[in-house]
């Protein structure tokens, strides 16, 4: 049963990525560190697997959340990863409704820079926290989709060990709106 739920969660999460989720007019996501459509800088690139970046999570800012938003969630996803299911680089849930963004370096779970109550969950690197881009050498540049979800509950029933697919499954049923931008990186 759990295997079916995880498989269903992955399919739902991927479907949300492709369809773009529930877009809310006026809900916007931006970053002073990564511009939409641009190439991601070395500071945000992973440090490992042959990449030598800073692995610093970018600052993210959002505005115009739909009325009734009770919390936010943030994801960073690479749909071009050669895995058959993409690659989840960052998942943050239960961000308080009064938050307007995430500080630079908030993806370091030990930094204490994430808003109080926010929960970083397991990524495809196997641990919670931000893991920057590091596509295979020689691949065309990969797309990295940054999303903030306006959520209709103040707390998703997830833990730090919950997979991105299961977080996505929960978001499928609790999303009021989505704001997104995409950047790229290749080597």
C-alpha atoms as a PDB file:
ATOM      1  CA  UNK A   1       0.000   0.000   0.000  1.00  0.00           C
ATOM      2  CA  UNK A   2       2.768   2.457   0.893  1.00  0.00           C
ATOM      3  CA  UNK A   3       4.595   1.678  -2.368  1.00  0.00           C
ATOM      4  CA  UNK A   4       1.371   2.468  -4.284  1.00  0.00           C
ATOM      5  CA  UNK A   5       0.929   5.716  -2.325  1.00  0.00           C
ATOM      6  CA  UNK A   6       4.514   6.814  -3.001  1.00  0.00           C
ATOM      7  CA  UNK A   7       4.128   5.959  -6.707  1.00  0.00           C
ATOM      8  CA  UNK A   8       0.849   7.848  -6.831  1.00  0.00           C
ATOM      9  CA  UNK A   9       2.463  10.755  -4.981  1.00  0.00           C
ATOM     10  CA  UNK A  10       5.263  10.935  -7.549  1.00  0.00           C
ATOM     11  CA  UNK A  11       2.750  10.925 -10.390  1.00  0.00           C
ATOM     12  CA  UNK A  12       0.639  13.612  -8.729  1.00  0.00           C
ATOM     13  CA  UNK A  13       3.672  15.777  -7.949  1.00  0.00           C
ATOM     14  CA  UNK A  14       4.958  15.470 -11.499  1.00  0.00           C
ATOM     15  CA  UNK A  15       1.480  16.264 -12.857  1.00  0.00           C
ATOM     16  CA  UNK A  16       1.399  19.408 -10.727  1.00  0.00           C
ATOM     17  CA  UNK A  17       4.768  20.442 -12.153  1.00  0.00           C
ATOM     18  CA  UNK A  18       3.682  19.928 -15.751  1.00  0.00           C
ATOM     19  CA  UNK A  19       0.253  21.507 -15.331  1.00  0.00           C
ATOM     20  CA  UNK A  20       1.597  24.358 -13.225  1.00  0.00           C
ATOM     21  CA  UNK A  21      -0.800  23.772 -10.344  1.00  0.00           C
ATOM     22  CA  UNK A  22      -3.554  26.179  -9.443  1.00  0.00           C
ATOM     23  CA  UNK A  23      -2.336  29.582 -10.577  1.00  0.00           C
ATOM     24  CA  UNK A  24      -3.677  32.530  -8.627  1.00  0.00           C
ATOM     25  CA  UNK A  25      -3.816  35.901 -10.341  1.00  0.00           C
ATOM     26  CA  UNK A  26      -1.335  38.285  -8.756  1.00  0.00           C
ATOM     27  CA  UNK A  27       0.594  35.598  -6.848  1.00  0.00           C
ATOM     28  CA  UNK A  28       4.266  36.186  -7.728  1.00  0.00           C
ATOM     29  CA  UNK A  29       7.598  34.534  -6.904  1.00  0.00           C
ATOM     30  CA  UNK A  30      11.004  36.139  -7.452  1.00  0.00           C
ATOM     31  CA  UNK A  31      14.597  35.968  -6.276  1.00  0.00           C
ATOM     32  CA  UNK A  32      17.318  38.615  -6.029  1.00  0.00           C
ATOM     33  CA  UNK A  33      19.830  35.785  -6.582  1.00  0.00           C
ATOM     34  CA  UNK A  34      18.294  34.002  -9.592  1.00  0.00           C
ATOM     35  CA  UNK A  35      16.374  35.785 -12.328  1.00  0.00           C
ATOM     36  CA  UNK A  36      13.628  33.926 -14.184  1.00  0.00           C
ATOM     37  CA  UNK A  37      14.987  32.445 -17.405  1.00  0.00           C
ATOM     38  CA  UNK A  38      18.622  33.094 -16.448  1.00  0.00           C
ATOM     39  CA  UNK A  39      21.521  30.756 -15.824  1.00  0.00           C
ATOM     40  CA  UNK A  40      21.979  29.837 -12.170  1.00  0.00           C
ATOM     41  CA  UNK A  41      25.211  31.209 -10.682  1.00  0.00           C
ATOM     42  CA  UNK A  42      27.986  29.083  -9.151  1.00  0.00           C
ATOM     43  CA  UNK A  43      26.969  30.239  -5.659  1.00  0.00           C
ATOM     44  CA  UNK A  44      23.750  28.184  -5.901  1.00  0.00           C
ATOM     45  CA  UNK A  45      25.317  25.139  -7.649  1.00  0.00           C
ATOM     46  CA  UNK A  46      25.827  21.903  -5.693  1.00  0.00           C
ATOM     47  CA  UNK A  47      29.259  21.100  -4.262  1.00  0.00           C
ATOM     48  CA  UNK A  48      29.726  17.406  -5.058  1.00  0.00           C
ATOM     49  CA  UNK A  49      29.166  14.862  -7.867  1.00  0.00           C
ATOM     50  CA  UNK A  50      31.842  16.703  -9.842  1.00  0.00           C
ATOM     51  CA  UNK A  51      30.316  20.165  -9.297  1.00  0.00           C
ATOM     52  CA  UNK A  52      32.170  22.819  -7.295  1.00  0.00           C
ATOM     53  CA  UNK A  53      29.525  25.382  -6.412  1.00  0.00           C
ATOM     54  CA  UNK A  54      28.705  27.108  -3.165  1.00  0.00           C
ATOM     55  CA  UNK A  55      25.448  25.148  -2.606  1.00  0.00           C
ATOM     56  CA  UNK A  56      23.836  28.271  -1.139  1.00  0.00           C
ATOM     57  CA  UNK A  57      20.059  28.382  -1.372  1.00  0.00           C
ATOM     58  CA  UNK A  58      18.823  31.588  -3.006  1.00  0.00           C
ATOM     59  CA  UNK A  59      16.639  34.145  -1.291  1.00  0.00           C
ATOM     60  CA  UNK A  60      13.042  33.811  -2.479  1.00  0.00           C
ATOM     61  CA  UNK A  61      10.326  36.458  -2.204  1.00  0.00           C
ATOM     62  CA  UNK A  62       6.613  36.135  -2.840  1.00  0.00           C
ATOM     63  CA  UNK A  63       3.605  38.414  -2.845  1.00  0.00           C
ATOM     64  CA  UNK A  64      -0.075  38.401  -3.716  1.00  0.00           C
ATOM     65  CA  UNK A  65      -1.003  35.105  -2.071  1.00  0.00           C
ATOM     66  CA  UNK A  66      -4.663  34.150  -2.369  1.00  0.00           C
ATOM     67  CA  UNK A  67      -7.036  35.073   0.451  1.00  0.00           C
ATOM     68  CA  UNK A  68      -7.315  32.335   3.041  1.00  0.00           C
ATOM     69  CA  UNK A  69      -3.721  31.133   2.680  1.00  0.00           C
ATOM     70  CA  UNK A  70      -2.747  29.471   5.958  1.00  0.00           C
ATOM     71  CA  UNK A  71       0.824  28.434   5.101  1.00  0.00           C
ATOM     72  CA  UNK A  72       3.265  28.104   2.212  1.00  0.00           C
ATOM     73  CA  UNK A  73       5.463  25.396   0.746  1.00  0.00           C
ATOM     74  CA  UNK A  74       8.461  25.785  -1.564  1.00  0.00           C
ATOM     75  CA  UNK A  75       9.924  23.287  -4.008  1.00  0.00           C
ATOM     76  CA  UNK A  76      12.801  23.280  -6.476  1.00  0.00           C
ATOM     77  CA  UNK A  77      12.586  20.584  -9.134  1.00  0.00           C
ATOM     78  CA  UNK A  78      14.663  19.534 -12.160  1.00  0.00           C
ATOM     79  CA  UNK A  79      12.358  17.869 -14.734  1.00  0.00           C
ATOM     80  CA  UNK A  80      15.333  17.175 -17.031  1.00  0.00           C
ATOM     81  CA  UNK A  81      17.301  14.933 -14.649  1.00  0.00           C
ATOM     82  CA  UNK A  82      18.049  11.555 -16.253  1.00  0.00           C
ATOM     83  CA  UNK A  83      16.151   9.606 -13.611  1.00  0.00           C
ATOM     84  CA  UNK A  84      12.800   8.913 -15.259  1.00  0.00           C
ATOM     85  CA  UNK A  85      11.141  11.017 -12.554  1.00  0.00           C
ATOM     86  CA  UNK A  86      13.139  14.256 -12.390  1.00  0.00           C
ATOM     87  CA  UNK A  87      15.038  15.372  -9.300  1.00  0.00           C
ATOM     88  CA  UNK A  88      13.836  17.267  -6.202  1.00  0.00           C
ATOM     89  CA  UNK A  89      16.451  19.780  -4.999  1.00  0.00           C
ATOM     90  CA  UNK A  90      14.576  21.521  -2.172  1.00  0.00           C
ATOM     91  CA  UNK A  91      11.296  20.992  -0.328  1.00  0.00           C
ATOM     92  CA  UNK A  92      10.084  23.253   2.479  1.00  0.00           C
ATOM     93  CA  UNK A  93       6.615  22.874   4.030  1.00  0.00           C
ATOM     94  CA  UNK A  94       4.653  24.527   6.831  1.00  0.00           C
ATOM     95  CA  UNK A  95       6.059  27.999   6.203  1.00  0.00           C
ATOM     96  CA  UNK A  96       3.884  30.377   8.275  1.00  0.00           C
ATOM     97  CA  UNK A  97       1.256  32.416   6.421  1.00  0.00           C
ATOM     98  CA  UNK A  98       2.845  35.713   7.439  1.00  0.00           C
ATOM     99  CA  UNK A  99       6.146  34.827   5.698  1.00  0.00           C
ATOM    100  CA  UNK A 100       6.963  36.792   2.555  1.00  0.00           C
ATOM    101  CA  UNK A 101       9.884  34.626   1.491  1.00  0.00           C
ATOM    102  CA  UNK A 102      12.916  32.604   2.464  1.00  0.00           C
ATOM    103  CA  UNK A 103      16.257  34.177   3.339  1.00  0.00           C
ATOM    104  CA  UNK A 104      19.406  33.381   1.412  1.00  0.00           C
ATOM    105  CA  UNK A 105      21.046  30.298   3.011  1.00  0.00           C
ATOM    106  CA  UNK A 106      17.748  29.217   4.614  1.00  0.00           C
ATOM    107  CA  UNK A 107      18.221  25.883   2.818  1.00  0.00           C
ATOM    108  CA  UNK A 108      21.010  25.026   5.252  1.00  0.00           C
ATOM    109  CA  UNK A 109      18.926  23.288   7.921  1.00  0.00           C
ATOM    110  CA  UNK A 110      21.523  24.142  10.588  1.00  0.00           C
ATOM    111  CA  UNK A 111      21.486  27.871   9.781  1.00  0.00           C
ATOM    112  CA  UNK A 112      18.238  28.655  11.591  1.00  0.00           C
ATOM    113  CA  UNK A 113      17.349  31.080   8.775  1.00  0.00           C
ATOM    114  CA  UNK A 114      14.088  29.400   7.738  1.00  0.00           C
ATOM    115  CA  UNK A 115      10.951  30.945   9.284  1.00  0.00           C
ATOM    116  CA  UNK A 116       9.989  29.481  12.668  1.00  0.00           C
ATOM    117  CA  UNK A 117       7.779  26.443  12.113  1.00  0.00           C
ATOM    118  CA  UNK A 118       8.988  25.796   8.548  1.00  0.00           C
ATOM    119  CA  UNK A 119      10.024  22.202   7.886  1.00  0.00           C
ATOM    120  CA  UNK A 120      12.569  21.150   5.285  1.00  0.00           C
ATOM    121  CA  UNK A 121      11.894  17.617   4.081  1.00  0.00           C
ATOM    122  CA  UNK A 122      13.933  14.981   2.294  1.00  0.00           C
ATOM    123  CA  UNK A 123      15.103  15.753  -1.224  1.00  0.00           C
ATOM    124  CA  UNK A 124      16.465  13.375  -3.841  1.00  0.00           C
ATOM    125  CA  UNK A 125      19.890  13.927  -2.272  1.00  0.00           C
ATOM    126  CA  UNK A 126      18.442  11.830   0.593  1.00  0.00           C
ATOM    127  CA  UNK A 127      18.392  14.515   3.270  1.00  0.00           C
ATOM    128  CA  UNK A 128      16.425  17.672   4.088  1.00  0.00           C
ATOM    129  CA  UNK A 129      17.758  21.023   2.921  1.00  0.00           C
ATOM    130  CA  UNK A 130      18.804  22.703  -0.280  1.00  0.00           C
ATOM    131  CA  UNK A 131      20.921  20.843  -2.816  1.00  0.00           C
ATOM    132  CA  UNK A 132      21.881  22.939  -5.814  1.00  0.00           C
ATOM    133  CA  UNK A 133      21.977  22.039  -9.491  1.00  0.00           C
ATOM    134  CA  UNK A 134      24.563  19.560 -10.756  1.00  0.00           C
ATOM    135  CA  UNK A 135      23.415  18.016 -14.020  1.00  0.00           C
ATOM    136  CA  UNK A 136      25.610  15.474 -15.789  1.00  0.00           C
ATOM    137  CA  UNK A 137      28.513  17.019 -17.667  1.00  0.00           C
ATOM    138  CA  UNK A 138      27.679  17.378 -21.355  1.00  0.00           C
ATOM    139  CA  UNK A 139      23.870  17.370 -20.907  1.00  0.00           C
ATOM    140  CA  UNK A 140      21.999  20.306 -22.370  1.00  0.00           C
ATOM    141  CA  UNK A 141      21.253  22.857 -19.627  1.00  0.00           C
ATOM    142  CA  UNK A 142      18.617  21.557 -17.227  1.00  0.00           C
ATOM    143  CA  UNK A 143      15.587  23.565 -16.125  1.00  0.00           C
ATOM    144  CA  UNK A 144      15.115  24.255 -12.417  1.00  0.00           C
ATOM    145  CA  UNK A 145      11.528  25.047 -11.477  1.00  0.00           C
ATOM    146  CA  UNK A 146      11.119  27.159  -8.337  1.00  0.00           C
ATOM    147  CA  UNK A 147       7.588  27.092  -6.893  1.00  0.00           C
ATOM    148  CA  UNK A 148       5.820  28.534  -3.906  1.00  0.00           C
ATOM    149  CA  UNK A 149       2.473  27.012  -3.000  1.00  0.00           C
ATOM    150  CA  UNK A 150      -0.226  28.878  -1.076  1.00  0.00           C
ATOM    151  CA  UNK A 151      -1.667  26.206   1.201  1.00  0.00           C
ATOM    152  CA  UNK A 152      -5.149  26.070   2.766  1.00  0.00           C
ATOM    153  CA  UNK A 153      -3.982  24.444   6.033  1.00  0.00           C
ATOM    154  CA  UNK A 154      -1.400  25.733   8.488  1.00  0.00           C
ATOM    155  CA  UNK A 155       0.372  22.397   8.775  1.00  0.00           C
ATOM    156  CA  UNK A 156       0.850  19.528   6.327  1.00  0.00           C
ATOM    157  CA  UNK A 157       1.180  16.149   8.041  1.00  0.00           C
ATOM    158  CA  UNK A 158       4.793  15.565   7.004  1.00  0.00           C
ATOM    159  CA  UNK A 159       8.135  15.061   8.741  1.00  0.00           C
ATOM    160  CA  UNK A 160      11.737  15.856   7.831  1.00  0.00           C
ATOM    161  CA  UNK A 161      12.003  12.330   6.386  1.00  0.00           C
ATOM    162  CA  UNK A 162       8.925  12.645   4.148  1.00  0.00           C
ATOM    163  CA  UNK A 163       9.783  12.318   0.458  1.00  0.00           C
ATOM    164  CA  UNK A 164       9.118  15.114  -2.015  1.00  0.00           C
ATOM    165  CA  UNK A 165       6.562  12.894  -3.762  1.00  0.00           C
ATOM    166  CA  UNK A 166       4.495  12.529  -0.582  1.00  0.00           C
ATOM    167  CA  UNK A 167       4.743  16.274   0.129  1.00  0.00           C
ATOM    168  CA  UNK A 168       3.513  16.805  -3.446  1.00  0.00           C
ATOM    169  CA  UNK A 169       0.633  14.394  -2.815  1.00  0.00           C
ATOM    170  CA  UNK A 170      -0.403  16.457   0.229  1.00  0.00           C
ATOM    171  CA  UNK A 171      -0.050  19.711  -1.710  1.00  0.00           C
ATOM    172  CA  UNK A 172      -2.322  18.364  -4.434  1.00  0.00           C
ATOM    173  CA  UNK A 173      -5.226  18.449  -1.974  1.00  0.00           C
ATOM    174  CA  UNK A 174      -4.334  21.698  -0.173  1.00  0.00           C
ATOM    175  CA  UNK A 175      -3.062  24.175  -2.780  1.00  0.00           C
ATOM    176  CA  UNK A 176      -4.916  27.472  -3.223  1.00  0.00           C
ATOM    177  CA  UNK A 177      -2.423  28.906  -5.706  1.00  0.00           C
ATOM    178  CA  UNK A 178       1.070  28.534  -7.141  1.00  0.00           C
ATOM    179  CA  UNK A 179       3.682  31.079  -8.172  1.00  0.00           C
ATOM    180  CA  UNK A 180       6.692  29.899 -10.146  1.00  0.00           C
ATOM    181  CA  UNK A 181       9.758  30.761 -12.152  1.00  0.00           C
ATOM    182  CA  UNK A 182      12.296  28.654 -14.021  1.00  0.00           C
ATOM    183  CA  UNK A 183      16.054  29.099 -14.415  1.00  0.00           C
ATOM    184  CA  UNK A 184      18.643  26.824 -16.015  1.00  0.00           C
ATOM    185  CA  UNK A 185      22.082  25.364 -15.443  1.00  0.00           C
ATOM    186  CA  UNK A 186      24.399  23.139 -17.475  1.00  0.00           C
ATOM    187  CA  UNK A 187      28.054  22.157 -17.475  1.00  0.00           C
END
